[in-house]
Amino acid sequence: MRPTTRRSTEPRRRWAAALGITALVVTGGGLLGGPAQAAATASVAVDFPTHCIPPPIAGIPPIDGTTTAEITVDNATPQVGDTVAVTYTVVEPAASNPVDLALPADIMTPTGKVTLGGAQSGDITVAGPKKNDPVPGKGAFPSFSMTGTFTVTEPGEITLSPGDYNIHTSYIMELDTPCTVTDPPAPVSETVVATDGGGQVNERAIQLSAASGQPGDEVTVTGTKFTPGAGITVAGRDGDAQTGDTASATADGSGAFTARLTVSDPDSTGIVAYEGGAWDAGKGAGPQAYTVTGGGEIPDGGQQLTTTVRAGTLSMTQAGDSVQLSGVDFGRGGASTGDLRTVTVEDFRGGPAGWSLTGKVTDFKGPGGARISADALGWTPSCATKPGSPSTCAAGSAGTVGSAGATLASTPDGTATGGEFSVDAGLSLDVPAFTGAGSYAGVLTLTLT
């Protein structure tokens, strides 16, 4: 195995020490990929550049490395119409254990795709069992295999190349590390030569939006070349038996359909689609490999601790409800100034939504029915964000408030929002020179949304 690159060792060590959980970290290495070789006659291991994204909780950026993989089949000379079993073995993952903590056996569930080329195109979903040897601290991740099937629909040379793969780990937390082929397709690892069997070929095919998911997750199933207008049943499979996870669809005029299947049975190993009231290989497609992940197994001697973070509210408080602006002289008028009472905004909702604080003012009423227009009030907003807040507050633009209103402050929508904020504004009322003497009052209303 290649050692992990020096540039990412310290971030991984700090993360591992804090959380003690699993992540996959891609090692460095040469980028040895190349164009597919169409004339391969035997299975060979191939190297290809891989781009992997560690779990977000790891706090480290995507890292590029090299994967060594091999594709094998149970029948290298099938006839059109035959079903071929495919095994995708990652001989050397582009990953190693970045932590000193030894990882127990049977926590890794791999899934992936195999890309077909040549006489037949498409992707095969493949999945592996939740089975691995223990991984020592800082040790190399072991080789793993994934299996799936495809139906031969065209005679000729059909090439098979390793595709994207994902390693799901269930240890303390459920984590995924997806790895994609940097410059697809990867080199050809296996070639089968199909001959025309002379019989009628079932060309029905399905594709899955994902090859794995936790219990209750939804997978999108798309099908092609079914009988136009036919009712379609999409179902989970546990080996040769059908599970209770089913969905229905109707093929359109071209024989295509899309269905969304919720997979809850933890024993599901694949997904099929078929016409009629029961599974019929001659009127169906699949199975496409699918694995239900999850479990979060607790290591021997461990105790799982849980807590609940309750979502709060979006609220504001004011340091007072009255502002005395400075006086101006009759005959001279000018700016009557003061400061808005500080407004404290608390956004404890969680979620992606930001907030906006706006204000509008009434006309200023004086003695004998005299008025100063609401449009005469302007402000210069400011906003401060309390350290540690996920959001950053932005002050509104300086200008007229008026009866139509203006923005005092806001925060944007984002993947993580919330925090505490202090909002202020300098106020200035432009009083006409010969406004009648006396006291004038208007009401400034602030609205937080």
Protein backbone atom coordinates (compact mmCIF):
# COMPACT_ATOMS: atom_id res chain seq x y z
CA MET A 1 0.00 0.00 0.00
CA ARG A 2 1.13 3.55 -0.63
CA PRO A 3 1.55 5.68 2.52
CA THR A 4 -0.78 8.61 3.10
CA THR A 5 0.53 11.94 1.88
CA ARG A 6 2.30 14.16 4.37
CA ARG A 7 0.18 17.20 3.55
CA SER A 8 -2.95 15.76 5.14
CA THR A 9 -1.53 13.83 8.14
CA GLU A 10 -1.94 16.50 10.81
CA PRO A 11 -5.60 17.46 10.00
CA ARG A 12 -6.53 13.78 10.06
CA ARG A 13 -4.73 13.21 13.37
CA ARG A 14 -6.48 16.15 15.03
CA TRP A 15 -9.87 15.02 13.72
CA ALA A 16 -9.32 11.42 14.75
CA ALA A 17 -8.18 12.37 18.24
CA ALA A 18 -11.29 14.48 18.75
CA LEU A 19 -13.89 12.08 17.43
CA GLY A 20 -12.37 8.61 17.29
CA ILE A 21 -14.38 7.67 14.19
CA THR A 22 -13.72 6.23 10.76
CA ALA A 23 -12.91 8.14 7.59
CA LEU A 24 -11.26 7.08 4.38
CA VAL A 25 -8.33 9.19 3.29
CA VAL A 26 -6.94 8.91 -0.20
CA THR A 27 -3.25 8.32 -0.55
CA GLY A 28 -1.05 9.96 -3.07
CA GLY A 29 0.39 8.09 -6.00
CA GLY A 30 0.96 8.25 -9.70
CA LEU A 31 -1.91 8.79 -12.10
CA LEU A 32 -1.59 5.76 -14.26
CA GLY A 33 -4.93 5.73 -16.08
CA GLY A 34 -5.14 5.55 -19.83
CA PRO A 35 -7.60 4.89 -22.63
CA ALA A 36 -9.60 1.68 -22.71
CA GLN A 37 -8.03 -1.26 -24.51
CA ALA A 38 -10.68 -2.83 -26.71
CA ALA A 39 -8.92 -6.12 -27.44
CA ALA A 40 -8.33 -7.49 -23.95
CA THR A 41 -8.82 -11.25 -23.86
CA ALA A 42 -8.33 -11.93 -20.16
CA SER A 43 -9.07 -10.11 -16.95
CA VAL A 44 -6.29 -7.77 -15.83
CA ALA A 45 -5.83 -5.46 -12.88
CA VAL A 46 -5.76 -1.80 -13.93
CA ASP A 47 -4.76 1.45 -12.24
CA PHE A 48 -6.81 4.62 -12.62
CA PRO A 49 -6.82 8.09 -11.03
CA THR A 50 -9.51 8.53 -8.39
CA HIS A 51 -11.04 11.61 -6.73
CA CYS A 52 -12.38 10.84 -3.25
CA ILE A 53 -14.37 13.04 -0.88
CA PRO A 54 -13.83 12.20 2.81
CA PRO A 55 -16.83 12.50 5.15
CA PRO A 56 -17.56 16.20 5.87
CA ILE A 57 -17.02 15.62 9.57
CA ALA A 58 -13.38 14.84 8.82
CA GLY A 59 -12.79 18.47 7.96
CA ILE A 60 -10.28 17.68 5.20
CA PRO A 61 -10.55 18.55 1.49
CA PRO A 62 -11.01 16.08 -1.36
CA ILE A 63 -7.83 14.18 -2.12
CA ASP A 64 -6.71 12.54 -5.35
CA GLY A 65 -5.06 9.14 -5.51
CA THR A 66 -4.82 5.91 -7.51
CA THR A 67 -7.06 2.85 -7.34
CA THR A 68 -6.04 -0.61 -8.54
CA ALA A 69 -9.00 -2.77 -9.52
CA GLU A 70 -9.94 -5.86 -11.52
CA ILE A 71 -13.19 -6.97 -13.20
CA THR A 72 -13.99 -10.67 -13.61
CA VAL A 73 -17.02 -12.48 -15.06
CA ASP A 74 -18.48 -15.95 -14.71
CA ASN A 75 -18.84 -16.35 -18.49
CA ALA A 76 -16.47 -14.64 -20.94
CA THR A 77 -18.17 -16.10 -24.04
CA PRO A 78 -21.92 -15.64 -23.48
CA GLN A 79 -24.71 -15.73 -26.02
CA VAL A 80 -27.08 -12.84 -26.56
CA GLY A 81 -29.78 -13.16 -23.91
CA ASP A 82 -27.49 -14.68 -21.27
CA THR A 83 -27.07 -13.11 -17.85
CA VAL A 84 -23.44 -12.52 -16.90
CA ALA A 85 -22.33 -12.22 -13.27
CA VAL A 86 -19.72 -9.51 -12.76
CA THR A 87 -17.29 -9.09 -9.85
CA TYR A 88 -15.56 -5.73 -9.30
CA THR A 89 -12.58 -6.17 -6.98
CA VAL A 90 -10.79 -3.14 -5.62
CA VAL A 91 -7.37 -4.72 -5.20
CA GLU A 92 -5.77 -1.63 -3.71
CA PRO A 93 -8.12 1.14 -2.54
CA ALA A 94 -6.99 4.72 -2.81
CA ALA A 95 -7.32 4.92 0.97
CA SER A 96 -5.76 3.97 4.28
CA ASN A 97 -6.74 4.27 7.92
CA PRO A 98 -5.67 7.78 8.99
CA VAL A 99 -6.13 7.23 12.71
CA ASP A 100 -4.27 5.38 15.45
CA LEU A 101 -7.53 3.69 16.42
CA ALA A 102 -7.82 0.11 15.14
CA LEU A 103 -11.06 -0.48 13.24
CA PRO A 104 -13.03 -3.67 13.87
CA ALA A 105 -14.07 -6.27 11.35
CA ASP A 106 -17.20 -6.07 9.21
CA ILE A 107 -17.88 -2.33 9.26
CA MET A 108 -17.30 -1.56 5.55
CA THR A 109 -20.05 -1.86 2.91
CA PRO A 110 -18.82 -1.09 -0.63
CA THR A 111 -20.97 -0.23 -3.64
CA GLY A 112 -20.08 0.90 -7.13
CA LYS A 113 -20.57 0.73 -10.88
CA VAL A 114 -19.00 -1.14 -13.77
CA THR A 115 -19.05 0.60 -17.17
CA LEU A 116 -19.86 -1.37 -20.32
CA GLY A 117 -18.43 -0.40 -23.70
CA GLY A 118 -17.91 -1.75 -27.16
CA ALA A 119 -20.89 -3.68 -28.54
CA GLN A 120 -23.04 -2.81 -25.50
CA SER A 121 -23.10 0.31 -23.35
CA GLY A 122 -24.43 1.16 -19.91
CA ASP A 123 -23.56 0.84 -16.23
CA ILE A 124 -23.92 -2.14 -13.92
CA THR A 125 -24.53 -1.47 -10.23
CA VAL A 126 -22.47 -3.67 -7.95
CA ALA A 127 -22.52 -4.10 -4.17
CA GLY A 128 -20.44 -5.98 -1.67
CA PRO A 129 -21.20 -7.59 1.67
CA LYS A 130 -20.56 -5.87 4.97
CA LYS A 131 -17.41 -7.84 5.52
CA ASN A 132 -13.80 -6.83 6.12
CA ASP A 133 -10.84 -7.86 8.21
CA PRO A 134 -9.88 -5.63 11.14
CA VAL A 135 -7.84 -2.62 10.10
CA PRO A 136 -4.94 -1.66 12.38
CA GLY A 137 -4.32 1.94 13.31
CA LYS A 138 -2.69 3.75 10.38
CA GLY A 139 -2.95 0.50 8.44
CA ALA A 140 -3.98 -0.03 4.83
CA PHE A 141 -7.61 -0.67 4.06
CA PRO A 142 -8.14 -4.20 2.75
CA SER A 143 -9.18 -5.25 -0.71
CA PHE A 144 -12.93 -5.69 -1.23
CA SER A 145 -15.23 -7.09 -3.92
CA MET A 146 -18.63 -6.10 -5.27
CA THR A 147 -20.93 -8.13 -7.51
CA GLY A 148 -23.75 -7.51 -9.98
CA THR A 149 -25.19 -8.84 -13.24
CA PHE A 150 -26.07 -7.70 -16.74
CA THR A 151 -27.97 -9.23 -19.63
CA VAL A 152 -26.17 -9.50 -22.96
CA THR A 153 -28.21 -7.75 -25.65
CA GLU A 154 -25.71 -7.39 -28.50
CA PRO A 155 -23.19 -9.75 -30.14
CA GLY A 156 -19.53 -8.73 -30.29
CA GLU A 157 -16.82 -7.60 -27.90
CA ILE A 158 -18.19 -6.00 -24.73
CA THR A 159 -15.61 -4.25 -22.57
CA LEU A 160 -15.91 -3.83 -18.80
CA SER A 161 -14.17 -1.00 -16.93
CA PRO A 162 -14.16 -0.22 -13.20
CA GLY A 163 -16.27 2.82 -12.34
CA ASP A 164 -17.08 5.02 -9.37
CA TYR A 165 -17.29 3.35 -5.97
CA ASN A 166 -18.33 4.28 -2.45
CA ILE A 167 -17.23 2.86 0.90
CA HIS A 168 -19.82 3.13 3.66
CA THR A 169 -18.56 2.61 7.20
CA SER A 170 -20.78 1.76 10.18
CA TYR A 171 -18.70 2.35 13.28
CA ILE A 172 -19.95 4.81 15.90
CA MET A 173 -21.33 6.88 13.00
CA GLU A 174 -22.63 6.16 9.49
CA LEU A 175 -20.12 7.67 7.04
CA ASP A 176 -19.64 7.61 3.26
CA THR A 177 -16.54 8.19 1.18
CA PRO A 178 -17.50 8.39 -2.51
CA CYS A 179 -14.66 7.93 -5.01
CA THR A 180 -15.09 8.85 -8.67
CA VAL A 181 -13.00 8.02 -11.71
CA THR A 182 -11.12 11.22 -12.49
CA ASP A 183 -10.95 10.73 -16.27
CA PRO A 184 -13.68 8.23 -17.21
CA PRO A 185 -13.82 5.66 -18.49
CA ALA A 186 -11.14 3.82 -16.56
CA PRO A 187 -8.98 1.33 -18.50
CA VAL A 188 -10.65 -1.88 -19.62
CA SER A 189 -10.11 -4.74 -17.18
CA GLU A 190 -12.20 -7.48 -18.83
CA THR A 191 -13.65 -8.20 -22.26
CA VAL A 192 -16.38 -10.70 -23.07
CA VAL A 193 -17.14 -11.86 -26.60
CA ALA A 194 -20.85 -12.44 -27.12
CA THR A 195 -22.33 -14.52 -29.92
CA ASP A 196 -25.81 -14.33 -31.38
CA GLY A 197 -27.87 -17.07 -29.77
CA GLY A 198 -30.59 -16.85 -32.38
CA GLY A 199 -33.39 -16.57 -29.84
CA GLN A 200 -35.60 -13.68 -28.76
CA VAL A 201 -33.71 -11.27 -26.52
CA ASN A 202 -35.20 -9.58 -23.49
CA GLU A 203 -33.78 -6.07 -23.79
CA ARG A 204 -35.54 -4.68 -20.73
CA ALA A 205 -33.09 -2.87 -18.47
CA ILE A 206 -33.14 -0.84 -15.27
CA GLN A 207 -30.76 1.64 -13.68
CA LEU A 208 -30.64 2.73 -10.03
CA SER A 209 -29.90 6.22 -8.75
CA ALA A 210 -27.88 4.71 -5.90
CA ALA A 211 -26.48 1.29 -5.08
CA SER A 212 -26.96 1.63 -1.33
CA GLY A 213 -28.93 3.47 1.32
CA GLN A 214 -30.05 3.31 4.92
CA PRO A 215 -33.37 1.61 5.79
CA GLY A 216 -36.22 3.78 4.58
CA ASP A 217 -34.18 5.61 1.94
CA GLU A 218 -35.72 6.14 -1.49
CA VAL A 219 -34.00 5.00 -4.70
CA THR A 220 -35.04 6.15 -8.16
CA VAL A 221 -35.40 3.28 -10.65
CA THR A 222 -35.48 4.02 -14.38
CA GLY A 223 -36.38 1.38 -16.94
CA THR A 224 -36.13 1.10 -20.73
CA LYS A 225 -37.50 -1.17 -23.47
CA PHE A 226 -40.48 -2.47 -21.52
CA THR A 227 -43.80 -3.00 -23.30
CA PRO A 228 -45.33 0.44 -24.00
CA GLY A 229 -48.27 1.10 -21.67
CA ALA A 230 -47.52 -1.94 -19.47
CA GLY A 231 -47.99 -1.82 -15.72
CA ILE A 232 -44.61 -2.22 -14.01
CA THR A 233 -43.84 -3.55 -10.54
CA VAL A 234 -40.56 -2.46 -8.98
CA ALA A 235 -39.51 -4.59 -6.01
CA GLY A 236 -36.69 -5.37 -3.64
CA ARG A 237 -35.09 -8.80 -3.67
CA ASP A 238 -33.56 -10.89 -0.92
CA GLY A 239 -31.71 -13.47 -2.99
CA ASP A 240 -34.41 -15.32 -4.95
CA ALA A 241 -37.28 -14.00 -2.82
CA GLN A 242 -39.17 -10.76 -3.18
CA THR A 243 -39.34 -8.42 -0.19
CA GLY A 244 -42.27 -6.26 0.86
CA ASP A 245 -40.68 -3.17 -0.67
CA THR A 246 -42.61 -2.47 -3.88
CA ALA A 247 -43.61 0.43 -6.10
CA SER A 248 -45.69 0.73 -9.27
CA ALA A 249 -45.19 2.56 -12.56
CA THR A 250 -46.53 2.56 -16.11
CA ALA A 251 -44.29 2.36 -19.15
CA ASP A 252 -44.69 5.27 -21.56
CA GLY A 253 -45.05 5.05 -25.33
CA SER A 254 -41.38 4.23 -25.75
CA GLY A 255 -41.35 1.57 -23.01
CA ALA A 256 -39.56 3.75 -20.48
CA PHE A 257 -40.59 4.42 -16.87
CA THR A 258 -39.39 6.05 -13.67
CA ALA A 259 -40.34 4.80 -10.21
CA ARG A 260 -39.29 5.68 -6.67
CA LEU A 261 -38.86 2.71 -4.38
CA THR A 262 -38.50 3.04 -0.62
CA VAL A 263 -36.23 0.22 0.56
CA SER A 264 -36.79 -0.68 4.22
CA ASP A 265 -35.91 -4.39 4.37
CA PRO A 266 -32.32 -4.62 5.71
CA ASP A 267 -31.87 -7.97 3.93
CA SER A 268 -32.39 -6.52 0.43
CA THR A 269 -29.64 -7.47 -1.98
CA GLY A 270 -31.08 -6.16 -5.24
CA ILE A 271 -33.93 -4.48 -7.10
CA VAL A 272 -35.96 -5.83 -10.04
CA ALA A 273 -38.73 -4.53 -12.30
CA TYR A 274 -41.21 -6.66 -14.19
CA GLU A 275 -44.47 -6.70 -16.12
CA GLY A 276 -47.41 -8.76 -14.85
CA GLY A 277 -48.44 -9.98 -11.44
CA ALA A 278 -45.24 -11.83 -10.48
CA TRP A 279 -41.55 -11.89 -11.29
CA ASP A 280 -40.85 -13.28 -14.74
CA ALA A 281 -37.28 -13.12 -16.03
CA GLY A 282 -38.62 -13.00 -19.58
CA LYS A 283 -40.68 -9.87 -18.85
CA GLY A 284 -38.45 -8.21 -16.30
CA ALA A 285 -35.06 -6.65 -15.68
CA GLY A 286 -32.55 -7.05 -12.90
CA PRO A 287 -31.70 -7.68 -10.27
CA GLN A 288 -29.49 -4.64 -9.99
CA ALA A 289 -27.38 -4.89 -6.85
CA TYR A 290 -28.48 -2.79 -3.86
CA THR A 291 -27.26 -2.84 -0.27
CA VAL A 292 -29.01 -1.54 2.82
CA THR A 293 -26.44 0.14 5.04
CA GLY A 294 -26.72 1.23 8.65
CA GLY A 295 -26.44 -0.27 12.04
CA GLY A 296 -23.92 1.99 13.77
CA GLU A 297 -22.54 -0.99 15.64
CA ILE A 298 -21.12 -0.26 19.07
CA PRO A 299 -17.64 -1.71 19.65
CA ASP A 300 -17.08 -4.20 22.45
CA GLY A 301 -16.94 -2.38 25.76
CA GLY A 302 -18.49 0.76 24.24
CA GLN A 303 -21.59 2.70 25.20
CA GLN A 304 -23.54 4.71 22.66
CA LEU A 305 -24.48 8.15 23.96
CA THR A 306 -27.33 10.12 22.41
CA THR A 307 -28.73 13.57 22.93
CA THR A 308 -31.26 15.90 21.33
CA VAL A 309 -30.67 19.42 20.09
CA ARG A 310 -33.97 21.28 20.14
CA ALA A 311 -34.64 23.88 17.47
CA GLY A 312 -35.41 27.33 18.84
CA THR A 313 -36.99 30.46 17.40
CA LEU A 314 -36.13 33.65 15.52
CA SER A 315 -36.66 36.61 17.85
CA MET A 316 -35.61 40.16 18.55
CA THR A 317 -35.46 42.45 21.58
CA GLN A 318 -35.00 46.23 21.75
CA ALA A 319 -33.00 48.23 24.29
CA GLY A 320 -35.92 50.68 24.55
CA ASP A 321 -39.01 51.92 22.77
CA SER A 322 -38.38 55.67 22.42
CA VAL A 323 -35.72 57.85 20.82
CA GLN A 324 -35.33 61.57 21.44
CA LEU A 325 -33.93 63.24 18.33
CA SER A 326 -32.00 66.48 18.59
CA GLY A 327 -33.95 69.74 18.19
CA VAL A 328 -33.74 72.19 15.28
CA ASP A 329 -34.53 75.91 15.04
CA PHE A 330 -37.62 77.35 13.37
CA GLY A 331 -36.64 79.19 10.24
CA ARG A 332 -33.46 77.16 9.87
CA GLY A 333 -34.58 73.53 10.06
CA GLY A 334 -32.03 70.86 9.15
CA ALA A 335 -31.09 67.44 10.48
CA SER A 336 -32.71 66.23 13.70
CA THR A 337 -30.48 63.31 14.68
CA GLY A 338 -30.32 60.43 17.12
CA ASP A 339 -29.57 56.71 17.43
CA LEU A 340 -31.90 53.76 17.11
CA ARG A 341 -32.23 51.75 20.29
CA THR A 342 -30.05 48.64 19.81
CA VAL A 343 -31.95 45.65 18.46
CA THR A 344 -30.67 42.18 19.39
CA VAL A 345 -31.61 39.40 16.97
CA GLU A 346 -31.37 35.75 18.07
CA ASP A 347 -31.67 33.11 15.36
CA PHE A 348 -31.81 29.75 17.10
CA ARG A 349 -33.95 27.90 14.51
CA GLY A 350 -31.27 25.85 12.79
CA GLY A 351 -31.75 24.94 9.15
CA PRO A 352 -30.86 26.84 5.98
CA ALA A 353 -33.00 30.00 6.26
CA GLY A 354 -31.56 33.44 6.85
CA TRP A 355 -33.52 36.43 8.15
CA SER A 356 -34.34 40.03 7.25
CA LEU A 357 -35.07 42.96 9.58
CA THR A 358 -36.96 45.80 7.93
CA GLY A 359 -38.46 49.06 9.16
CA LYS A 360 -41.00 51.64 8.06
CA VAL A 361 -42.12 54.91 9.67
CA THR A 362 -45.27 57.00 9.82
CA ASP A 363 -45.47 60.73 9.17
CA PHE A 364 -44.36 62.84 12.13
CA LYS A 365 -47.42 64.60 13.57
CA GLY A 366 -47.10 67.95 15.30
CA PRO A 367 -49.31 70.70 16.77
CA GLY A 368 -52.38 71.87 14.88
CA GLY A 369 -52.22 69.04 12.38
CA ALA A 370 -48.73 69.94 11.17
CA ARG A 371 -46.74 67.04 9.69
CA ILE A 372 -43.24 66.12 8.65
CA SER A 373 -43.28 63.50 5.88
CA ALA A 374 -42.15 59.97 6.64
CA ASP A 375 -39.82 60.27 3.64
CA ALA A 376 -37.83 62.86 5.60
CA LEU A 377 -36.43 60.13 7.91
CA GLY A 378 -33.23 58.44 6.84
CA TRP A 379 -30.90 56.00 8.57
CA THR A 380 -27.37 54.60 8.40
CA PRO A 381 -27.58 50.94 9.57
CA SER A 382 -24.85 48.88 11.20
CA CYS A 383 -24.81 45.25 12.34
CA ALA A 384 -22.41 43.19 14.46
CA THR A 385 -22.26 39.38 14.61
CA LYS A 386 -21.49 37.62 17.89
CA PRO A 387 -18.35 35.46 17.56
CA GLY A 388 -19.13 31.82 16.87
CA SER A 389 -22.36 32.50 14.99
CA PRO A 390 -22.75 30.42 11.80
CA SER A 391 -24.30 33.35 9.90
CA THR A 392 -22.78 36.77 9.27
CA CYS A 393 -25.01 39.80 9.56
CA ALA A 394 -25.05 42.41 6.77
CA ALA A 395 -26.25 45.98 7.39
CA GLY A 396 -28.82 47.49 5.08
CA SER A 397 -28.06 50.46 2.84
CA ALA A 398 -28.00 54.00 4.14
CA GLY A 399 -30.94 56.01 2.84
CA THR A 400 -34.60 56.90 3.25
CA VAL A 401 -36.82 54.82 5.50
CA GLY A 402 -40.22 56.31 4.67
CA SER A 403 -43.62 54.68 4.79
CA ALA A 404 -42.58 52.14 2.13
CA GLY A 405 -39.84 50.85 4.41
CA ALA A 406 -36.24 49.72 4.00
CA THR A 407 -33.94 46.91 5.13
CA LEU A 408 -32.11 47.48 8.38
CA ALA A 409 -30.07 44.21 8.42
CA SER A 410 -30.15 40.63 7.15
CA THR A 411 -28.36 37.30 6.92
CA PRO A 412 -28.33 35.06 3.83
CA ASP A 413 -29.70 31.55 3.41
CA GLY A 414 -27.01 28.88 3.72
CA THR A 415 -26.23 25.29 4.66
CA ALA A 416 -25.69 26.38 8.28
CA THR A 417 -27.35 29.47 9.72
CA GLY A 418 -28.06 31.04 13.07
CA GLY A 419 -26.43 33.14 15.76
CA GLU A 420 -26.76 36.35 17.74
CA PHE A 421 -26.57 39.82 16.23
CA SER A 422 -26.63 43.46 17.39
CA VAL A 423 -28.28 45.92 15.03
CA ASP A 424 -27.99 49.72 15.28
CA ALA A 425 -28.61 52.73 13.07
CA GLY A 426 -27.94 56.43 13.07
CA LEU A 427 -31.20 58.36 12.48
CA SER A 428 -31.63 61.70 10.75
CA LEU A 429 -34.93 63.55 10.20
CA ASP A 430 -34.67 66.31 7.59
CA VAL A 431 -36.89 69.06 9.08
CA PRO A 432 -38.01 71.81 6.64
CA ALA A 433 -36.84 75.34 7.63
CA PHE A 434 -40.21 76.83 8.53
CA THR A 435 -41.86 73.83 10.12
CA GLY A 436 -44.20 75.02 12.86
CA ALA A 437 -42.70 75.08 16.35
CA GLY A 438 -43.65 72.26 18.69
CA SER A 439 -43.14 68.56 19.31
CA TYR A 440 -43.46 66.05 16.48
CA ALA A 441 -43.70 62.26 16.81
CA GLY A 442 -43.72 59.37 14.38
CA VAL A 443 -43.68 55.60 14.92
CA LEU A 444 -40.92 53.43 13.47
CA THR A 445 -42.04 49.79 13.19
CA LEU A 446 -39.45 47.00 12.82
CA THR A 447 -40.39 43.62 11.36
CA LEU A 448 -38.22 40.47 11.59
CA THR A 449 -38.85 37.70 9.05
